[in-house]
Amino acid sequence: MAESEDGIIVTDDFIAVIDGSTSKTNLCLHPGTTNGRYCMTLIKQYISQAARDMSCESFCRGVTAFVRSHYDSNQLTRLAEHPEERATASCAVYSDTRREVWLVGDCQCLVDGTLHDNPKPAEAAIARKRAAFARQLLDTNAATMESLRQNDTTRTLITKDLIESMAGQNVEYAVVDGFDIPQDKVRIIAVGESASEIVLASDGYPLLMPTLEASEQALQAQMATDPLNIGRFKATKAFLAGNNSFDDRSYIRFEP
């Protein structure tokens, strides 16, 4: 039996949060949906039928083959050379049988309040570069906070950096994208028998808290104090006008 909603799937044996990557190009691999959402859907399909005693290594091999099988064979050569065009997602998967959390990409988790994450290695540097661009625009009156929230030109300025960083996809960091996942870039968190609570979440929460309410409050506090995300917390995106977040977010809390 499986239950799911956007970004989350719960089966008898697995609980997972899945975060599709934001598209960096105009290529659409599946009509009517973004590449990141398409990958998220495929991962949920795979988990819904996965063997209960599956290991992390088996999951990585199996989900890779499953996503790859949905590519047009004529596209594979190009996708091998252009990772920015692949259907890509990160995920945090809890295996009840193995009592482990697997972080494939930049999702995050709390185990009894202890944070575990797996950030992309270049993300922080690119976020700092975007923050410097924004500060320069604001300091020279070339833009205002309001204008950048309407049209975040600083995001455009780092798009090339984001695409270039994706050359490290499944080389320097792990994601699910239909290409081999390096096991040494996947984090495995053992969940002890005494553990009483687990939280799995996407990286849309800059400060992950033990409850959804507290995590949402922290997110709204960030928007109120630094909606461009260029201060103490730096991101590659701002809170655009009319949005209550800067990125997609998924959150689930449960007892192992």
C-alpha atoms as a PDB file:
ATOM      1  CA  MET A   1       0.000   0.000   0.000  1.00  0.00           C
ATOM      2  CA  ALA A   2       1.311   3.452  -0.895  1.00  0.00           C
ATOM      3  CA  GLU A   3       0.147   6.956  -0.122  1.00  0.00           C
ATOM      4  CA  SER A   4       1.621   9.986  -1.844  1.00  0.00           C
ATOM      5  CA  GLU A   5       1.289  13.672  -2.431  1.00  0.00           C
ATOM      6  CA  ASP A   6       3.581  16.074  -4.226  1.00  0.00           C
ATOM      7  CA  GLY A   7       7.122  15.414  -3.093  1.00  0.00           C
ATOM      8  CA  ILE A   8       6.238  12.736  -0.522  1.00  0.00           C
ATOM      9  CA  ILE A   9       5.528   9.002  -0.699  1.00  0.00           C
ATOM     10  CA  VAL A  10       4.690   6.646   2.178  1.00  0.00           C
ATOM     11  CA  THR A  11       4.556   2.871   1.733  1.00  0.00           C
ATOM     12  CA  ASP A  12       4.566  -0.009   4.207  1.00  0.00           C
ATOM     13  CA  ASP A  13       8.361  -0.113   3.986  1.00  0.00           C
ATOM     14  CA  PHE A  14       9.598   3.313   2.873  1.00  0.00           C
ATOM     15  CA  ILE A  15       8.977   6.997   3.520  1.00  0.00           C
ATOM     16  CA  ALA A  16      10.539   9.495   1.158  1.00  0.00           C
ATOM     17  CA  VAL A  17      10.717  13.192   0.380  1.00  0.00           C
ATOM     18  CA  ILE A  18      11.626  13.934  -3.243  1.00  0.00           C
ATOM     19  CA  ASP A  19      12.671  17.325  -4.596  1.00  0.00           C
ATOM     20  CA  GLY A  20      12.734  17.832  -8.354  1.00  0.00           C
ATOM     21  CA  SER A  21      15.495  20.141  -9.583  1.00  0.00           C
ATOM     22  CA  THR A  22      14.587  23.498 -11.112  1.00  0.00           C
ATOM     23  CA  SER A  23      15.002  23.454 -14.900  1.00  0.00           C
ATOM     24  CA  LYS A  24      17.999  25.405 -16.180  1.00  0.00           C
ATOM     25  CA  THR A  25      17.182  25.000 -19.902  1.00  0.00           C
ATOM     26  CA  ASN A  26      14.083  25.027 -22.081  1.00  0.00           C
ATOM     27  CA  LEU A  27      14.303  21.315 -22.964  1.00  0.00           C
ATOM     28  CA  CYS A  28      11.194  19.416 -21.822  1.00  0.00           C
ATOM     29  CA  LEU A  29      11.596  15.639 -21.685  1.00  0.00           C
ATOM     30  CA  HIS A  30       7.941  14.862 -20.927  1.00  0.00           C
ATOM     31  CA  PRO A  31       5.089  16.990 -22.283  1.00  0.00           C
ATOM     32  CA  GLY A  32       3.132  18.979 -19.742  1.00  0.00           C
ATOM     33  CA  THR A  33       5.602  18.800 -16.853  1.00  0.00           C
ATOM     34  CA  THR A  34       9.000  20.112 -15.883  1.00  0.00           C
ATOM     35  CA  ASN A  35      11.974  17.760 -15.943  1.00  0.00           C
ATOM     36  CA  GLY A  36      12.354  17.931 -12.164  1.00  0.00           C
ATOM     37  CA  ARG A  37       8.707  17.059 -11.520  1.00  0.00           C
ATOM     38  CA  TYR A  38       8.916  14.265 -14.086  1.00  0.00           C
ATOM     39  CA  CYS A  39      11.880  12.753 -12.235  1.00  0.00           C
ATOM     40  CA  MET A  40      10.046  13.113  -8.919  1.00  0.00           C
ATOM     41  CA  THR A  41       7.088  11.185 -10.347  1.00  0.00           C
ATOM     42  CA  LEU A  42       9.357   8.401 -11.620  1.00  0.00           C
ATOM     43  CA  ILE A  43      11.118   8.048  -8.253  1.00  0.00           C
ATOM     44  CA  LYS A  44       7.761   7.749  -6.499  1.00  0.00           C
ATOM     45  CA  GLN A  45       6.720   5.049  -8.958  1.00  0.00           C
ATOM     46  CA  TYR A  46       9.925   3.145  -8.310  1.00  0.00           C
ATOM     47  CA  ILE A  47       9.658   3.335  -4.515  1.00  0.00           C
ATOM     48  CA  SER A  48       6.024   2.207  -4.610  1.00  0.00           C
ATOM     49  CA  GLN A  49       7.109  -1.160  -6.015  1.00  0.00           C
ATOM     50  CA  ALA A  50      10.543  -1.526  -4.393  1.00  0.00           C
ATOM     51  CA  ALA A  51      11.555  -4.637  -2.449  1.00  0.00           C
ATOM     52  CA  ARG A  52      11.220  -4.074   1.300  1.00  0.00           C
ATOM     53  CA  ASP A  53      14.776  -5.248   2.111  1.00  0.00           C
ATOM     54  CA  MET A  54      16.396  -3.153  -0.622  1.00  0.00           C
ATOM     55  CA  SER A  55      19.766  -1.658   0.335  1.00  0.00           C
ATOM     56  CA  CYS A  56      20.800   1.902  -0.402  1.00  0.00           C
ATOM     57  CA  GLU A  57      23.154   0.667  -3.122  1.00  0.00           C
ATOM     58  CA  SER A  58      20.353  -1.397  -4.678  1.00  0.00           C
ATOM     59  CA  PHE A  59      18.037   1.611  -4.528  1.00  0.00           C
ATOM     60  CA  CYS A  60      20.573   3.791  -6.325  1.00  0.00           C
ATOM     61  CA  ARG A  61      21.127   1.216  -9.053  1.00  0.00           C
ATOM     62  CA  GLY A  62      17.441   0.426  -9.452  1.00  0.00           C
ATOM     63  CA  VAL A  63      16.078   3.977  -9.491  1.00  0.00           C
ATOM     64  CA  THR A  64      18.824   4.984 -11.929  1.00  0.00           C
ATOM     65  CA  ALA A  65      17.848   2.205 -14.328  1.00  0.00           C
ATOM     66  CA  PHE A  66      14.155   3.064 -13.935  1.00  0.00           C
ATOM     67  CA  VAL A  67      14.636   6.757 -14.771  1.00  0.00           C
ATOM     68  CA  ARG A  68      17.025   5.908 -17.602  1.00  0.00           C
ATOM     69  CA  SER A  69      14.452   3.545 -19.136  1.00  0.00           C
ATOM     70  CA  HIS A  70      12.120   6.526 -19.607  1.00  0.00           C
ATOM     71  CA  TYR A  71      14.590   8.484 -21.726  1.00  0.00           C
ATOM     72  CA  ASP A  72      14.383   8.330 -25.486  1.00  0.00           C
ATOM     73  CA  SER A  73      17.375   6.182 -26.489  1.00  0.00           C
ATOM     74  CA  ASN A  74      18.267   8.797 -29.097  1.00  0.00           C
ATOM     75  CA  GLN A  75      18.723  11.351 -26.307  1.00  0.00           C
ATOM     76  CA  LEU A  76      21.187   9.404 -24.167  1.00  0.00           C
ATOM     77  CA  THR A  77      24.372  10.566 -25.876  1.00  0.00           C
ATOM     78  CA  ARG A  78      23.384  14.201 -25.540  1.00  0.00           C
ATOM     79  CA  LEU A  79      22.175  13.776 -21.956  1.00  0.00           C
ATOM     80  CA  ALA A  80      25.498  12.162 -21.049  1.00  0.00           C
ATOM     81  CA  GLU A  81      27.232  15.352 -22.190  1.00  0.00           C
ATOM     82  CA  HIS A  82      24.591  17.797 -20.916  1.00  0.00           C
ATOM     83  CA  PRO A  83      23.520  16.894 -17.359  1.00  0.00           C
ATOM     84  CA  GLU A  84      21.631  20.200 -17.098  1.00  0.00           C
ATOM     85  CA  GLU A  85      19.062  18.740 -19.521  1.00  0.00           C
ATOM     86  CA  ARG A  86      18.368  15.543 -17.568  1.00  0.00           C
ATOM     87  CA  ALA A  87      15.310  14.777 -15.460  1.00  0.00           C
ATOM     88  CA  THR A  88      16.862  15.335 -12.047  1.00  0.00           C
ATOM     89  CA  ALA A  89      15.792  15.130  -8.407  1.00  0.00           C
ATOM     90  CA  SER A  90      17.182  14.745  -4.913  1.00  0.00           C
ATOM     91  CA  CYS A  91      15.582  12.527  -2.296  1.00  0.00           C
ATOM     92  CA  ALA A  92      15.661  11.537   1.346  1.00  0.00           C
ATOM     93  CA  VAL A  93      14.487   7.938   1.762  1.00  0.00           C
ATOM     94  CA  TYR A  94      13.800   6.133   5.030  1.00  0.00           C
ATOM     95  CA  SER A  95      13.982   2.325   4.932  1.00  0.00           C
ATOM     96  CA  ASP A  96      11.979   0.852   7.789  1.00  0.00           C
ATOM     97  CA  THR A  97      13.496  -2.593   7.327  1.00  0.00           C
ATOM     98  CA  ARG A  98      17.073  -1.330   7.451  1.00  0.00           C
ATOM     99  CA  ARG A  99      16.362   1.601   9.798  1.00  0.00           C
ATOM    100  CA  GLU A 100      18.392   3.921   7.618  1.00  0.00           C
ATOM    101  CA  VAL A 101      17.881   7.298   5.965  1.00  0.00           C
ATOM    102  CA  TRP A 102      19.479   7.706   2.539  1.00  0.00           C
ATOM    103  CA  LEU A 103      20.249  11.226   1.345  1.00  0.00           C
ATOM    104  CA  VAL A 104      20.712  11.248  -2.415  1.00  0.00           C
ATOM    105  CA  GLY A 105      21.343  14.907  -3.200  1.00  0.00           C
ATOM    106  CA  ASP A 106      20.568  18.003  -1.169  1.00  0.00           C
ATOM    107  CA  CYS A 107      17.608  16.936   0.939  1.00  0.00           C
ATOM    108  CA  GLN A 108      17.871  16.961   4.737  1.00  0.00           C
ATOM    109  CA  CYS A 109      16.675  15.129   7.825  1.00  0.00           C
ATOM    110  CA  LEU A 110      16.460  15.311  11.593  1.00  0.00           C
ATOM    111  CA  VAL A 111      16.908  12.204  13.713  1.00  0.00           C
ATOM    112  CA  ASP A 112      15.844  13.046  17.271  1.00  0.00           C
ATOM    113  CA  GLY A 113      16.679  16.681  16.577  1.00  0.00           C
ATOM    114  CA  THR A 114      20.123  16.111  15.036  1.00  0.00           C
ATOM    115  CA  LEU A 115      20.424  17.619  11.562  1.00  0.00           C
ATOM    116  CA  HIS A 116      21.890  15.671   8.649  1.00  0.00           C
ATOM    117  CA  ASP A 117      22.209  17.162   5.173  1.00  0.00           C
ATOM    118  CA  ASN A 118      24.072  16.593   1.910  1.00  0.00           C
ATOM    119  CA  PRO A 119      24.516  19.953   0.132  1.00  0.00           C
ATOM    120  CA  LYS A 120      25.850  20.425  -3.375  1.00  0.00           C
ATOM    121  CA  PRO A 121      29.527  21.423  -3.101  1.00  0.00           C
ATOM    122  CA  ALA A 122      29.304  24.512  -5.345  1.00  0.00           C
ATOM    123  CA  GLU A 123      25.946  25.816  -4.127  1.00  0.00           C
ATOM    124  CA  ALA A 124      27.270  27.967  -1.274  1.00  0.00           C
ATOM    125  CA  ALA A 125      29.847  29.704  -3.472  1.00  0.00           C
ATOM    126  CA  ILE A 126      27.261  30.457  -6.166  1.00  0.00           C
ATOM    127  CA  ALA A 127      24.851  31.773  -3.528  1.00  0.00           C
ATOM    128  CA  ARG A 128      27.577  34.091  -2.211  1.00  0.00           C
ATOM    129  CA  LYS A 129      28.221  35.327  -5.752  1.00  0.00           C
ATOM    130  CA  ARG A 130      24.515  36.072  -6.224  1.00  0.00           C
ATOM    131  CA  ALA A 131      24.421  37.893  -2.881  1.00  0.00           C
ATOM    132  CA  ALA A 132      27.363  40.070  -3.962  1.00  0.00           C
ATOM    133  CA  PHE A 133      25.561  40.932  -7.216  1.00  0.00           C
ATOM    134  CA  ALA A 134      22.442  41.879  -5.283  1.00  0.00           C
ATOM    135  CA  ARG A 135      24.371  44.028  -2.805  1.00  0.00           C
ATOM    136  CA  GLN A 136      26.045  45.871  -5.668  1.00  0.00           C
ATOM    137  CA  LEU A 137      22.719  46.555  -7.368  1.00  0.00           C
ATOM    138  CA  LEU A 138      21.158  47.772  -4.133  1.00  0.00           C
ATOM    139  CA  ASP A 139      24.157  49.888  -3.096  1.00  0.00           C
ATOM    140  CA  THR A 140      24.303  51.647  -6.467  1.00  0.00           C
ATOM    141  CA  ASN A 141      20.523  52.128  -6.651  1.00  0.00           C
ATOM    142  CA  ALA A 142      20.490  50.085  -9.855  1.00  0.00           C
ATOM    143  CA  ALA A 143      17.720  48.006  -8.265  1.00  0.00           C
ATOM    144  CA  THR A 144      15.541  47.937  -5.181  1.00  0.00           C
ATOM    145  CA  MET A 145      14.504  45.063  -2.977  1.00  0.00           C
ATOM    146  CA  GLU A 146      11.003  45.338  -4.450  1.00  0.00           C
ATOM    147  CA  SER A 147      12.240  45.301  -8.055  1.00  0.00           C
ATOM    148  CA  LEU A 148      14.415  42.241  -7.420  1.00  0.00           C
ATOM    149  CA  ARG A 149      11.479  40.447  -5.844  1.00  0.00           C
ATOM    150  CA  GLN A 150       9.463  41.197  -8.985  1.00  0.00           C
ATOM    151  CA  ASN A 151      12.278  40.203 -11.354  1.00  0.00           C
ATOM    152  CA  ASP A 152      15.293  38.575  -9.754  1.00  0.00           C
ATOM    153  CA  THR A 153      17.979  39.571 -12.253  1.00  0.00           C
ATOM    154  CA  THR A 154      20.625  38.194  -9.889  1.00  0.00           C
ATOM    155  CA  ARG A 155      19.307  34.706 -10.612  1.00  0.00           C
ATOM    156  CA  THR A 156      19.911  35.310 -14.320  1.00  0.00           C
ATOM    157  CA  LEU A 157      23.463  36.438 -13.557  1.00  0.00           C
ATOM    158  CA  ILE A 158      24.310  33.089 -11.932  1.00  0.00           C
ATOM    159  CA  THR A 159      22.476  30.787 -14.366  1.00  0.00           C
ATOM    160  CA  LYS A 160      25.709  30.052 -16.242  1.00  0.00           C
ATOM    161  CA  ASP A 161      27.413  29.153 -12.954  1.00  0.00           C
ATOM    162  CA  LEU A 162      24.550  26.844 -12.007  1.00  0.00           C
ATOM    163  CA  ILE A 163      24.722  25.061 -15.352  1.00  0.00           C
ATOM    164  CA  GLU A 164      28.505  24.741 -15.176  1.00  0.00           C
ATOM    165  CA  SER A 165      28.246  23.305 -11.660  1.00  0.00           C
ATOM    166  CA  MET A 166      25.973  20.576 -13.018  1.00  0.00           C
ATOM    167  CA  ALA A 167      28.974  19.075 -14.785  1.00  0.00           C
ATOM    168  CA  GLY A 168      29.628  17.653 -11.318  1.00  0.00           C
ATOM    169  CA  GLN A 169      26.259  15.912 -11.242  1.00  0.00           C
ATOM    170  CA  ASN A 170      26.820  12.283 -10.198  1.00  0.00           C
ATOM    171  CA  VAL A 171      30.547  12.996 -10.192  1.00  0.00           C
ATOM    172  CA  GLU A 172      31.119  15.484  -7.373  1.00  0.00           C
ATOM    173  CA  TYR A 173      27.663  15.091  -5.841  1.00  0.00           C
ATOM    174  CA  ALA A 174      24.781  12.651  -6.073  1.00  0.00           C
ATOM    175  CA  VAL A 175      21.335  13.041  -7.611  1.00  0.00           C
ATOM    176  CA  VAL A 176      18.813  10.787  -9.291  1.00  0.00           C
ATOM    177  CA  ASP A 177      18.969  11.493 -13.027  1.00  0.00           C
ATOM    178  CA  GLY A 178      19.215   8.170 -14.866  1.00  0.00           C
ATOM    179  CA  PHE A 179      23.021   8.106 -14.729  1.00  0.00           C
ATOM    180  CA  ASP A 180      25.188   6.151 -12.288  1.00  0.00           C
ATOM    181  CA  ILE A 181      25.113   7.493  -8.730  1.00  0.00           C
ATOM    182  CA  PRO A 182      28.492   7.513  -6.920  1.00  0.00           C
ATOM    183  CA  GLN A 183      27.894   5.715  -3.631  1.00  0.00           C
ATOM    184  CA  ASP A 184      30.505   7.766  -1.788  1.00  0.00           C
ATOM    185  CA  LYS A 185      28.406  10.901  -2.417  1.00  0.00           C
ATOM    186  CA  VAL A 186      25.284   9.390  -0.819  1.00  0.00           C
ATOM    187  CA  ARG A 187      24.828   9.841   2.936  1.00  0.00           C
ATOM    188  CA  ILE A 188      23.493   6.903   4.927  1.00  0.00           C
ATOM    189  CA  ILE A 189      22.242   7.747   8.418  1.00  0.00           C
ATOM    190  CA  ALA A 190      21.741   4.817  10.743  1.00  0.00           C
ATOM    191  CA  VAL A 191      18.631   5.130  12.904  1.00  0.00           C
ATOM    192  CA  GLY A 192      19.222   3.554  16.309  1.00  0.00           C
ATOM    193  CA  GLU A 193      16.641   1.433  18.057  1.00  0.00           C
ATOM    194  CA  SER A 194      16.169   4.170  20.655  1.00  0.00           C
ATOM    195  CA  ALA A 195      15.371   6.857  18.042  1.00  0.00           C
ATOM    196  CA  SER A 196      11.878   8.269  18.584  1.00  0.00           C
ATOM    197  CA  GLU A 197      11.373  10.793  15.774  1.00  0.00           C
ATOM    198  CA  ILE A 198      12.521  11.455  12.215  1.00  0.00           C
ATOM    199  CA  VAL A 199      11.905  14.454   9.977  1.00  0.00           C
ATOM    200  CA  LEU A 200      12.572  14.302   6.237  1.00  0.00           C
ATOM    201  CA  ALA A 201      12.470  17.526   4.233  1.00  0.00           C
ATOM    202  CA  SER A 202      13.551  19.202   1.037  1.00  0.00           C
ATOM    203  CA  ASP A 203      16.086  22.022   1.077  1.00  0.00           C
ATOM    204  CA  GLY A 204      13.258  24.550   0.752  1.00  0.00           C
ATOM    205  CA  TYR A 205      13.466  24.924   4.526  1.00  0.00           C
ATOM    206  CA  PRO A 206      16.539  27.022   5.401  1.00  0.00           C
ATOM    207  CA  LEU A 207      16.137  26.107   9.072  1.00  0.00           C
ATOM    208  CA  LEU A 208      14.711  22.648   9.632  1.00  0.00           C
ATOM    209  CA  MET A 209      12.866  22.338  12.945  1.00  0.00           C
ATOM    210  CA  PRO A 210      11.298  19.395  14.802  1.00  0.00           C
ATOM    211  CA  THR A 211       7.772  20.436  13.782  1.00  0.00           C
ATOM    212  CA  LEU A 212       6.243  21.641  10.542  1.00  0.00           C
ATOM    213  CA  GLU A 213       4.792  24.674  12.307  1.00  0.00           C
ATOM    214  CA  ALA A 214       8.193  25.740  13.643  1.00  0.00           C
ATOM    215  CA  SER A 215       9.860  25.136  10.264  1.00  0.00           C
ATOM    216  CA  GLU A 216       7.221  27.264   8.539  1.00  0.00           C
ATOM    217  CA  GLN A 217       7.611  30.002  11.150  1.00  0.00           C
ATOM    218  CA  ALA A 218      11.382  30.042  10.569  1.00  0.00           C
ATOM    219  CA  LEU A 219      10.785  30.260   6.824  1.00  0.00           C
ATOM    220  CA  GLN A 220       8.400  33.192   7.213  1.00  0.00           C
ATOM    221  CA  ALA A 221      10.867  34.927   9.554  1.00  0.00           C
ATOM    222  CA  GLN A 222      13.512  34.582   6.847  1.00  0.00           C
ATOM    223  CA  MET A 223      11.164  36.123   4.283  1.00  0.00           C
ATOM    224  CA  ALA A 224      10.350  39.011   6.621  1.00  0.00           C
ATOM    225  CA  THR A 225      13.960  39.858   7.454  1.00  0.00           C
ATOM    226  CA  ASP A 226      15.815  38.974   4.228  1.00  0.00           C
ATOM    227  CA  PRO A 227      13.469  38.238   1.314  1.00  0.00           C
ATOM    228  CA  LEU A 228      16.333  38.283  -1.200  1.00  0.00           C
ATOM    229  CA  ASN A 229      18.253  35.596   0.743  1.00  0.00           C
ATOM    230  CA  ILE A 230      21.511  37.538   0.641  1.00  0.00           C
ATOM    231  CA  GLY A 231      22.270  37.960   4.345  1.00  0.00           C
ATOM    232  CA  ARG A 232      23.155  35.383   6.967  1.00  0.00           C
ATOM    233  CA  PHE A 233      21.303  32.752   4.923  1.00  0.00           C
ATOM    234  CA  LYS A 234      22.293  32.900   1.258  1.00  0.00           C
ATOM    235  CA  ALA A 235      20.482  31.059  -1.523  1.00  0.00           C
ATOM    236  CA  THR A 236      20.479  30.989  -5.292  1.00  0.00           C
ATOM    237  CA  LYS A 237      16.878  32.267  -5.314  1.00  0.00           C
ATOM    238  CA  ALA A 238      14.845  35.011  -3.658  1.00  0.00           C
ATOM    239  CA  PHE A 239      11.316  35.041  -2.269  1.00  0.00           C
ATOM    240  CA  LEU A 240       9.578  36.384  -5.359  1.00  0.00           C
ATOM    241  CA  ALA A 241       6.678  38.781  -4.831  1.00  0.00           C
ATOM    242  CA  GLY A 242       3.460  36.893  -4.122  1.00  0.00           C
ATOM    243  CA  ASN A 243       5.231  33.680  -3.089  1.00  0.00           C
ATOM    244  CA  ASN A 244       5.414  32.386   0.472  1.00  0.00           C
ATOM    245  CA  SER A 245       8.679  30.543  -0.179  1.00  0.00           C
ATOM    246  CA  PHE A 246      11.769  30.743  -2.368  1.00  0.00           C
ATOM    247  CA  ASP A 247      11.742  27.062  -3.333  1.00  0.00           C
ATOM    248  CA  ASP A 248       9.504  24.003  -3.381  1.00  0.00           C
ATOM    249  CA  ARG A 249       9.241  22.406   0.037  1.00  0.00           C
ATOM    250  CA  SER A 250       8.164  19.052   1.412  1.00  0.00           C
ATOM    251  CA  TYR A 251       8.173  17.947   5.054  1.00  0.00           C
ATOM    252  CA  ILE A 252       7.174  14.791   6.877  1.00  0.00           C
ATOM    253  CA  ARG A 253       7.642  13.813  10.551  1.00  0.00           C
ATOM    254  CA  PHE A 254       7.156  10.296  11.870  1.00  0.00           C
ATOM    255  CA  GLU A 255       8.149   7.717  14.487  1.00  0.00           C
ATOM    256  CA  PRO A 256      10.506   5.032  13.159  1.00  0.00           C
END
